Amino acid sequence: TLEGDVRSAKAELSAFWKAKGVARQGGPTVREMAEDLNIQSVYNYVYFLSSNFVHFNTHALLRNGWGDPEGPFRYRIGNFDGYYKSLSVFCSALLVIGFCYAFADVFVAGSPEEEVNALLLVISEVHRWPEIVTFEELNKDPPLFVFSHALRKVAVEGGEAIPYGGVVQEIKNLR
């Protein structure tokens, strides 16, 4: 029966995690797995962005109201069409690169090295990564391309230059 199959699968999964030394009954959380792989920046970026799509919060609602600061505002999801398109393409590229670095030897015939390098080059040159809070929702014009591109190129974290940001560097470290 389906119930028996589900119970059996849960028991096997529980035994698997127990054999790996994981104390938590359902296995590690996604956050714990990200910490084990040292990809916390990737996890935080993707988690925060995706949780805004699946959980209601006032920020997600209010960001769809655009108009003159004095009103009236026009609320429609279409106000963010460009943002959501950029976000889905950008995050998809990050996940494909991460997948190739972590699992290509198991799941991909041949070497995707050339394609991965091309994606990395594109990501490194994108002048505006999808922000968690956008300039548009703050009723501000985005910075000029040249300015935002230059800022990203000279970004510093913890006193060290991060030319591609922590997210891309963590994905590269999966090799």
C-alpha atoms as a PDB file:
ATOM      1  CA  THR A   1       0.000   0.000   0.000  1.00  0.00           C
ATOM      2  CA  LEU A   2       0.992   3.604  -0.401  1.00  0.00           C
ATOM      3  CA  GLU A   3       0.962   4.155   3.377  1.00  0.00           C
ATOM      4  CA  GLY A   4       3.269   1.186   3.885  1.00  0.00           C
ATOM      5  CA  ASP A   5       5.622   2.421   1.189  1.00  0.00           C
ATOM      6  CA  VAL A   6       5.764   5.887   2.776  1.00  0.00           C
ATOM      7  CA  ARG A   7       6.453   4.411   6.230  1.00  0.00           C
ATOM      8  CA  SER A   8       9.167   2.183   4.774  1.00  0.00           C
ATOM      9  CA  ALA A   9      10.800   5.081   2.927  1.00  0.00           C
ATOM     10  CA  LYS A  10      10.740   7.227   6.089  1.00  0.00           C
ATOM     11  CA  ALA A  11      12.335   4.411   8.087  1.00  0.00           C
ATOM     12  CA  GLU A  12      15.071   3.976   5.462  1.00  0.00           C
ATOM     13  CA  LEU A  13      15.737   7.697   5.395  1.00  0.00           C
ATOM     14  CA  SER A  14      15.877   7.842   9.185  1.00  0.00           C
ATOM     15  CA  ALA A  15      18.322   4.923   9.241  1.00  0.00           C
ATOM     16  CA  PHE A  16      20.446   6.630   6.571  1.00  0.00           C
ATOM     17  CA  TRP A  17      20.754   9.857   8.598  1.00  0.00           C
ATOM     18  CA  LYS A  18      21.355   7.945  11.828  1.00  0.00           C
ATOM     19  CA  ALA A  19      24.217   6.046  10.137  1.00  0.00           C
ATOM     20  CA  LYS A  20      25.679   9.416   9.086  1.00  0.00           C
ATOM     21  CA  GLY A  21      25.651  10.563  12.725  1.00  0.00           C
ATOM     22  CA  VAL A  22      22.814  13.072  12.352  1.00  0.00           C
ATOM     23  CA  ALA A  23      20.841  13.243  15.587  1.00  0.00           C
ATOM     24  CA  ARG A  24      17.814  15.087  14.198  1.00  0.00           C
ATOM     25  CA  GLN A  25      15.059  12.579  13.382  1.00  0.00           C
ATOM     26  CA  GLY A  26      14.169  13.979   9.951  1.00  0.00           C
ATOM     27  CA  GLY A  27      17.790  14.535   8.986  1.00  0.00           C
ATOM     28  CA  PRO A  28      19.660  17.821   8.812  1.00  0.00           C
ATOM     29  CA  THR A  29      17.926  21.038   7.891  1.00  0.00           C
ATOM     30  CA  VAL A  30      18.802  22.687   4.587  1.00  0.00           C
ATOM     31  CA  ARG A  31      20.616  25.384   6.578  1.00  0.00           C
ATOM     32  CA  GLU A  32      22.716  22.725   8.324  1.00  0.00           C
ATOM     33  CA  MET A  33      23.583  21.123   4.987  1.00  0.00           C
ATOM     34  CA  ALA A  34      24.580  24.538   3.614  1.00  0.00           C
ATOM     35  CA  GLU A  35      26.806  25.099   6.639  1.00  0.00           C
ATOM     36  CA  ASP A  36      28.438  21.682   6.130  1.00  0.00           C
ATOM     37  CA  LEU A  37      29.184  22.608   2.508  1.00  0.00           C
ATOM     38  CA  ASN A  38      30.291  26.124   3.503  1.00  0.00           C
ATOM     39  CA  ILE A  39      27.727  27.804   1.240  1.00  0.00           C
ATOM     40  CA  GLN A  40      25.918  29.964   3.804  1.00  0.00           C
ATOM     41  CA  SER A  41      25.894  33.047   1.547  1.00  0.00           C
ATOM     42  CA  VAL A  42      24.251  31.047  -1.237  1.00  0.00           C
ATOM     43  CA  TYR A  43      21.718  29.636   1.212  1.00  0.00           C
ATOM     44  CA  ASN A  44      20.898  33.028   2.736  1.00  0.00           C
ATOM     45  CA  TYR A  45      20.519  34.719  -0.664  1.00  0.00           C
ATOM     46  CA  VAL A  46      18.339  32.021  -2.220  1.00  0.00           C
ATOM     47  CA  TYR A  47      16.359  31.361   0.981  1.00  0.00           C
ATOM     48  CA  PHE A  48      15.463  34.987   1.570  1.00  0.00           C
ATOM     49  CA  LEU A  49      14.485  35.604  -2.035  1.00  0.00           C
ATOM     50  CA  SER A  50      12.446  32.412  -2.362  1.00  0.00           C
ATOM     51  CA  SER A  51      10.730  32.756   1.017  1.00  0.00           C
ATOM     52  CA  ASN A  52       9.338  36.092  -0.157  1.00  0.00           C
ATOM     53  CA  PHE A  53       7.473  34.211  -2.887  1.00  0.00           C
ATOM     54  CA  VAL A  54       5.948  31.487  -0.745  1.00  0.00           C
ATOM     55  CA  HIS A  55       5.187  33.232   2.545  1.00  0.00           C
ATOM     56  CA  PHE A  56       2.951  36.226   2.967  1.00  0.00           C
ATOM     57  CA  ASN A  57       4.571  39.294   4.389  1.00  0.00           C
ATOM     58  CA  THR A  58       3.698  42.949   4.200  1.00  0.00           C
ATOM     59  CA  HIS A  59       6.940  43.746   2.400  1.00  0.00           C
ATOM     60  CA  ALA A  60       5.959  41.452  -0.494  1.00  0.00           C
ATOM     61  CA  LEU A  61       2.546  43.130  -0.697  1.00  0.00           C
ATOM     62  CA  LEU A  62       3.716  46.715  -0.335  1.00  0.00           C
ATOM     63  CA  ARG A  63       6.495  46.361  -2.885  1.00  0.00           C
ATOM     64  CA  ASN A  64       3.827  45.865  -5.567  1.00  0.00           C
ATOM     65  CA  GLY A  65       2.313  49.301  -4.961  1.00  0.00           C
ATOM     66  CA  TRP A  66       3.885  51.840  -7.265  1.00  0.00           C
ATOM     67  CA  GLY A  67       3.096  55.445  -7.910  1.00  0.00           C
ATOM     68  CA  ASP A  68       3.700  58.977  -6.795  1.00  0.00           C
ATOM     69  CA  PRO A  69       4.982  59.098  -3.186  1.00  0.00           C
ATOM     70  CA  GLU A  70       1.856  61.097  -2.291  1.00  0.00           C
ATOM     71  CA  GLY A  71      -0.427  58.499  -3.946  1.00  0.00           C
ATOM     72  CA  PRO A  72      -2.469  57.049  -5.376  1.00  0.00           C
ATOM     73  CA  PHE A  73      -0.589  53.783  -5.715  1.00  0.00           C
ATOM     74  CA  ARG A  74      -1.284  51.119  -8.283  1.00  0.00           C
ATOM     75  CA  TYR A  75      -0.967  47.597  -6.891  1.00  0.00           C
ATOM     76  CA  ARG A  76      -0.198  44.898  -9.410  1.00  0.00           C
ATOM     77  CA  ILE A  77       2.237  42.024  -9.610  1.00  0.00           C
ATOM     78  CA  GLY A  78       3.140  43.172 -13.127  1.00  0.00           C
ATOM     79  CA  ASN A  79       5.090  46.044 -11.599  1.00  0.00           C
ATOM     80  CA  PHE A  80       7.853  43.515 -10.942  1.00  0.00           C
ATOM     81  CA  ASP A  81       7.798  41.531 -14.202  1.00  0.00           C
ATOM     82  CA  GLY A  82      11.324  42.558 -15.149  1.00  0.00           C
ATOM     83  CA  TYR A  83      12.651  41.886 -11.660  1.00  0.00           C
ATOM     84  CA  TYR A  84      11.119  38.400 -11.458  1.00  0.00           C
ATOM     85  CA  LYS A  85      12.440  37.531 -14.913  1.00  0.00           C
ATOM     86  CA  SER A  86      15.959  38.676 -13.985  1.00  0.00           C
ATOM     87  CA  LEU A  87      15.747  36.898 -10.644  1.00  0.00           C
ATOM     88  CA  SER A  88      14.670  33.562 -12.124  1.00  0.00           C
ATOM     89  CA  VAL A  89      17.331  33.642 -14.859  1.00  0.00           C
ATOM     90  CA  PHE A  90      20.078  34.713 -12.449  1.00  0.00           C
ATOM     91  CA  CYS A  91      19.249  32.192  -9.708  1.00  0.00           C
ATOM     92  CA  SER A  92      18.849  29.425 -12.299  1.00  0.00           C
ATOM     93  CA  ALA A  93      22.341  30.149 -13.596  1.00  0.00           C
ATOM     94  CA  LEU A  94      23.751  30.032 -10.054  1.00  0.00           C
ATOM     95  CA  LEU A  95      22.032  26.726  -9.349  1.00  0.00           C
ATOM     96  CA  VAL A  96      23.174  25.174 -12.650  1.00  0.00           C
ATOM     97  CA  ILE A  97      26.768  26.176 -11.906  1.00  0.00           C
ATOM     98  CA  GLY A  98      26.515  24.768  -8.369  1.00  0.00           C
ATOM     99  CA  PHE A  99      24.965  21.546  -9.663  1.00  0.00           C
ATOM    100  CA  CYS A 100      27.729  21.121 -12.243  1.00  0.00           C
ATOM    101  CA  TYR A 101      30.462  21.698  -9.681  1.00  0.00           C
ATOM    102  CA  ALA A 102      28.915  19.351  -7.139  1.00  0.00           C
ATOM    103  CA  PHE A 103      27.427  16.581  -9.302  1.00  0.00           C
ATOM    104  CA  ALA A 104      28.579  16.795 -12.930  1.00  0.00           C
ATOM    105  CA  ASP A 105      30.841  13.764 -12.598  1.00  0.00           C
ATOM    106  CA  VAL A 106      27.794  11.681 -11.614  1.00  0.00           C
ATOM    107  CA  PHE A 107      24.959  13.155 -13.690  1.00  0.00           C
ATOM    108  CA  VAL A 108      26.488  14.841 -16.749  1.00  0.00           C
ATOM    109  CA  ALA A 109      28.013  13.018 -19.717  1.00  0.00           C
ATOM    110  CA  GLY A 110      31.222  14.753 -20.704  1.00  0.00           C
ATOM    111  CA  SER A 111      32.596  17.877 -19.107  1.00  0.00           C
ATOM    112  CA  PRO A 112      30.419  20.982 -18.771  1.00  0.00           C
ATOM    113  CA  GLU A 113      33.514  23.073 -17.933  1.00  0.00           C
ATOM    114  CA  GLU A 114      33.233  25.296 -21.008  1.00  0.00           C
ATOM    115  CA  GLU A 115      29.536  26.020 -20.381  1.00  0.00           C
ATOM    116  CA  VAL A 116      30.091  26.626 -16.661  1.00  0.00           C
ATOM    117  CA  ASN A 117      32.931  29.060 -17.401  1.00  0.00           C
ATOM    118  CA  ALA A 118      30.703  30.906 -19.871  1.00  0.00           C
ATOM    119  CA  LEU A 119      27.947  31.207 -17.240  1.00  0.00           C
ATOM    120  CA  LEU A 120      30.457  32.424 -14.648  1.00  0.00           C
ATOM    121  CA  LEU A 121      31.704  35.066 -17.063  1.00  0.00           C
ATOM    122  CA  VAL A 122      28.164  36.273 -17.714  1.00  0.00           C
ATOM    123  CA  ILE A 123      27.370  36.406 -13.979  1.00  0.00           C
ATOM    124  CA  SER A 124      30.602  38.252 -13.241  1.00  0.00           C
ATOM    125  CA  GLU A 125      29.671  40.914 -15.788  1.00  0.00           C
ATOM    126  CA  VAL A 126      25.996  41.364 -14.847  1.00  0.00           C
ATOM    127  CA  HIS A 127      25.807  44.970 -13.754  1.00  0.00           C
ATOM    128  CA  ARG A 128      22.870  44.481 -11.414  1.00  0.00           C
ATOM    129  CA  TRP A 129      22.196  41.305  -9.506  1.00  0.00           C
ATOM    130  CA  PRO A 130      18.559  40.947  -8.393  1.00  0.00           C
ATOM    131  CA  GLU A 131      18.476  42.758  -5.074  1.00  0.00           C
ATOM    132  CA  ILE A 132      16.480  41.621  -2.070  1.00  0.00           C
ATOM    133  CA  VAL A 133      15.119  45.165  -1.733  1.00  0.00           C
ATOM    134  CA  THR A 134      15.094  47.007  -5.041  1.00  0.00           C
ATOM    135  CA  PHE A 135      15.610  50.652  -5.861  1.00  0.00           C
ATOM    136  CA  GLU A 136      12.270  50.693  -7.664  1.00  0.00           C
ATOM    137  CA  GLU A 137      10.254  49.670  -4.628  1.00  0.00           C
ATOM    138  CA  LEU A 138      11.910  52.486  -2.708  1.00  0.00           C
ATOM    139  CA  ASN A 139      10.738  54.827  -5.482  1.00  0.00           C
ATOM    140  CA  LYS A 140      14.375  55.498  -6.357  1.00  0.00           C
ATOM    141  CA  ASP A 141      16.041  55.345  -9.724  1.00  0.00           C
ATOM    142  CA  PRO A 142      18.621  52.569  -9.954  1.00  0.00           C
ATOM    143  CA  PRO A 143      22.223  53.775 -10.120  1.00  0.00           C
ATOM    144  CA  LEU A 144      23.843  54.202 -13.496  1.00  0.00           C
ATOM    145  CA  PHE A 145      25.190  50.973 -14.976  1.00  0.00           C
ATOM    146  CA  VAL A 146      28.780  52.170 -14.790  1.00  0.00           C
ATOM    147  CA  PHE A 147      28.441  53.108 -11.110  1.00  0.00           C
ATOM    148  CA  SER A 148      26.786  49.859  -9.992  1.00  0.00           C
ATOM    149  CA  HIS A 149      29.236  47.783 -12.051  1.00  0.00           C
ATOM    150  CA  ALA A 150      32.222  49.613 -10.523  1.00  0.00           C
ATOM    151  CA  LEU A 151      30.841  49.201  -6.993  1.00  0.00           C
ATOM    152  CA  ARG A 152      30.452  45.462  -7.440  1.00  0.00           C
ATOM    153  CA  LYS A 153      33.959  45.141  -8.854  1.00  0.00           C
ATOM    154  CA  VAL A 154      35.527  46.788  -5.818  1.00  0.00           C
ATOM    155  CA  ALA A 155      33.251  45.297  -3.166  1.00  0.00           C
ATOM    156  CA  VAL A 156      35.040  44.437   0.049  1.00  0.00           C
ATOM    157  CA  GLU A 157      33.964  42.037   2.755  1.00  0.00           C
ATOM    158  CA  GLY A 158      35.982  41.480   5.894  1.00  0.00           C
ATOM    159  CA  GLY A 159      38.842  43.564   4.511  1.00  0.00           C
ATOM    160  CA  GLU A 160      39.254  41.361   1.414  1.00  0.00           C
ATOM    161  CA  ALA A 161      38.105  42.128  -2.116  1.00  0.00           C
ATOM    162  CA  ILE A 162      35.223  39.954  -3.292  1.00  0.00           C
ATOM    163  CA  PRO A 163      35.119  40.424  -7.081  1.00  0.00           C
ATOM    164  CA  TYR A 164      32.216  38.018  -7.617  1.00  0.00           C
ATOM    165  CA  GLY A 165      30.677  38.242  -4.173  1.00  0.00           C
ATOM    166  CA  GLY A 166      30.472  35.542  -1.530  1.00  0.00           C
ATOM    167  CA  VAL A 167      27.710  33.715  -3.382  1.00  0.00           C
ATOM    168  CA  VAL A 168      29.713  32.959  -6.529  1.00  0.00           C
ATOM    169  CA  GLN A 169      32.894  32.231  -4.606  1.00  0.00           C
ATOM    170  CA  GLU A 170      31.105  29.658  -2.431  1.00  0.00           C
ATOM    171  CA  ILE A 171      29.695  27.971  -5.528  1.00  0.00           C
ATOM    172  CA  LYS A 172      33.163  27.884  -7.110  1.00  0.00           C
ATOM    173  CA  ASN A 173      34.494  26.239  -3.966  1.00  0.00           C
ATOM    174  CA  LEU A 174      32.193  23.245  -4.544  1.00  0.00           C
ATOM    175  CA  ARG A 175      34.637  21.966  -7.195  1.00  0.00           C
END
